[in-house]
Protein backbone atom coordinates (compact mmCIF):
# COMPACT_ATOMS: atom_id res chain seq x y z
CA MET A 1 -17.60 -0.97 1.88
CA ARG A 2 -13.91 0.02 2.88
CA ILE A 3 -10.87 1.05 1.03
CA LYS A 4 -7.74 -1.07 1.08
CA ILE A 5 -4.14 -0.16 -0.02
CA ARG A 6 -2.62 -3.24 -1.39
CA LEU A 7 1.05 -2.09 -0.75
CA LYS A 8 2.10 -5.18 1.38
CA GLU A 9 0.92 -7.56 -1.21
CA LEU A 10 2.34 -5.77 -4.14
CA LEU A 11 5.77 -5.66 -2.27
CA GLU A 12 5.42 -9.38 -1.66
CA GLU A 13 4.49 -10.09 -5.33
CA ARG A 14 7.75 -8.30 -6.59
CA GLY A 15 10.03 -9.43 -3.95
CA ILE A 16 10.66 -5.79 -2.61
CA SER A 17 11.13 -5.00 1.08
CA GLN A 18 9.46 -2.32 2.78
CA ARG A 19 13.02 -0.64 3.25
CA GLN A 20 14.17 -1.21 -0.26
CA LEU A 21 10.66 0.80 -1.28
CA SER A 22 11.50 3.23 1.33
CA LEU A 23 14.88 4.10 -0.14
CA ARG A 24 13.58 4.17 -3.72
CA MET A 25 11.07 6.64 -2.61
CA ASN A 26 13.15 8.58 -0.13
CA MET A 27 10.45 8.23 2.22
CA ARG A 28 10.83 7.13 5.97
CA PRO A 29 10.59 3.45 6.40
CA ALA A 30 7.93 3.80 9.25
CA THR A 31 5.60 5.58 6.65
CA ILE A 32 5.86 2.41 4.39
CA ASN A 33 5.24 0.40 7.23
CA HIS A 34 2.30 2.04 8.22
CA LEU A 35 0.81 2.11 4.55
CA CYS A 36 1.39 -1.80 4.64
CA SER A 37 -0.67 -2.32 7.92
CA ASN A 38 -4.47 -2.64 8.04
CA SER A 39 -4.85 0.42 10.27
CA VAL A 40 -4.59 3.16 7.31
CA ASP A 41 -7.18 5.84 7.98
CA ARG A 42 -5.78 8.52 5.72
CA VAL A 43 -3.15 8.98 3.10
CA TYR A 44 -1.87 11.75 0.87
CA ILE A 45 -2.77 11.59 -2.85
CA ARG A 46 0.98 12.37 -3.57
CA THR A 47 2.03 9.57 -1.57
CA LEU A 48 -0.06 7.21 -3.69
CA GLU A 49 1.20 8.68 -6.76
CA GLN A 50 4.98 8.21 -5.53
CA ILE A 51 4.10 4.69 -4.80
CA CYS A 52 2.73 4.18 -7.96
CA GLU A 53 5.48 5.47 -10.04
CA ALA A 54 8.09 3.58 -7.88
CA LEU A 55 6.28 0.44 -8.46
CA ASP A 56 5.40 1.30 -11.92
CA ILE A 57 1.69 0.38 -11.43
CA THR A 58 -1.77 2.50 -11.70
CA VAL A 59 -3.78 3.57 -8.62
CA ASP A 60 -6.52 0.92 -9.18
CA GLN A 61 -3.76 -1.88 -8.84
CA LEU A 62 -2.83 -0.22 -5.36
CA ILE A 63 -6.02 0.55 -3.98
CA VAL A 64 -9.13 -1.81 -3.85
CA SER A 65 -12.47 -1.70 -2.38
CA VAL A 66 -13.22 -4.37 0.04
CA ASN A 67 -16.71 -5.67 1.18
CA GLU A 68 -16.81 -5.59 5.04
CA LYS A 69 -17.95 -9.17 5.18
CA GLU A 70 -14.98 -10.46 3.06
CA ASP A 71 -12.59 -8.33 5.18
CA VAL A 72 -13.95 -9.98 8.47
CA ALA A 73 -13.51 -13.36 7.04
CA ASP A 74 -9.76 -12.64 6.04
CA LYS A 75 -9.07 -11.82 9.75
């Protein structure tokens, strides 16, 4: 099982760019870009909280567990 951050999908659903979110959160655009990639291997809890606050979502909407077999099929 893997854990996935759904930030890219959530931004697309809401029509918000990575840059807009970075400005809203006062965070570097590169940080948001990294969190939207599939290569995230660690993230601060506070960063997740800030994203949830900025998008008015809960952490379970942001983070999901992914079956590795399903993940391979998505690539």
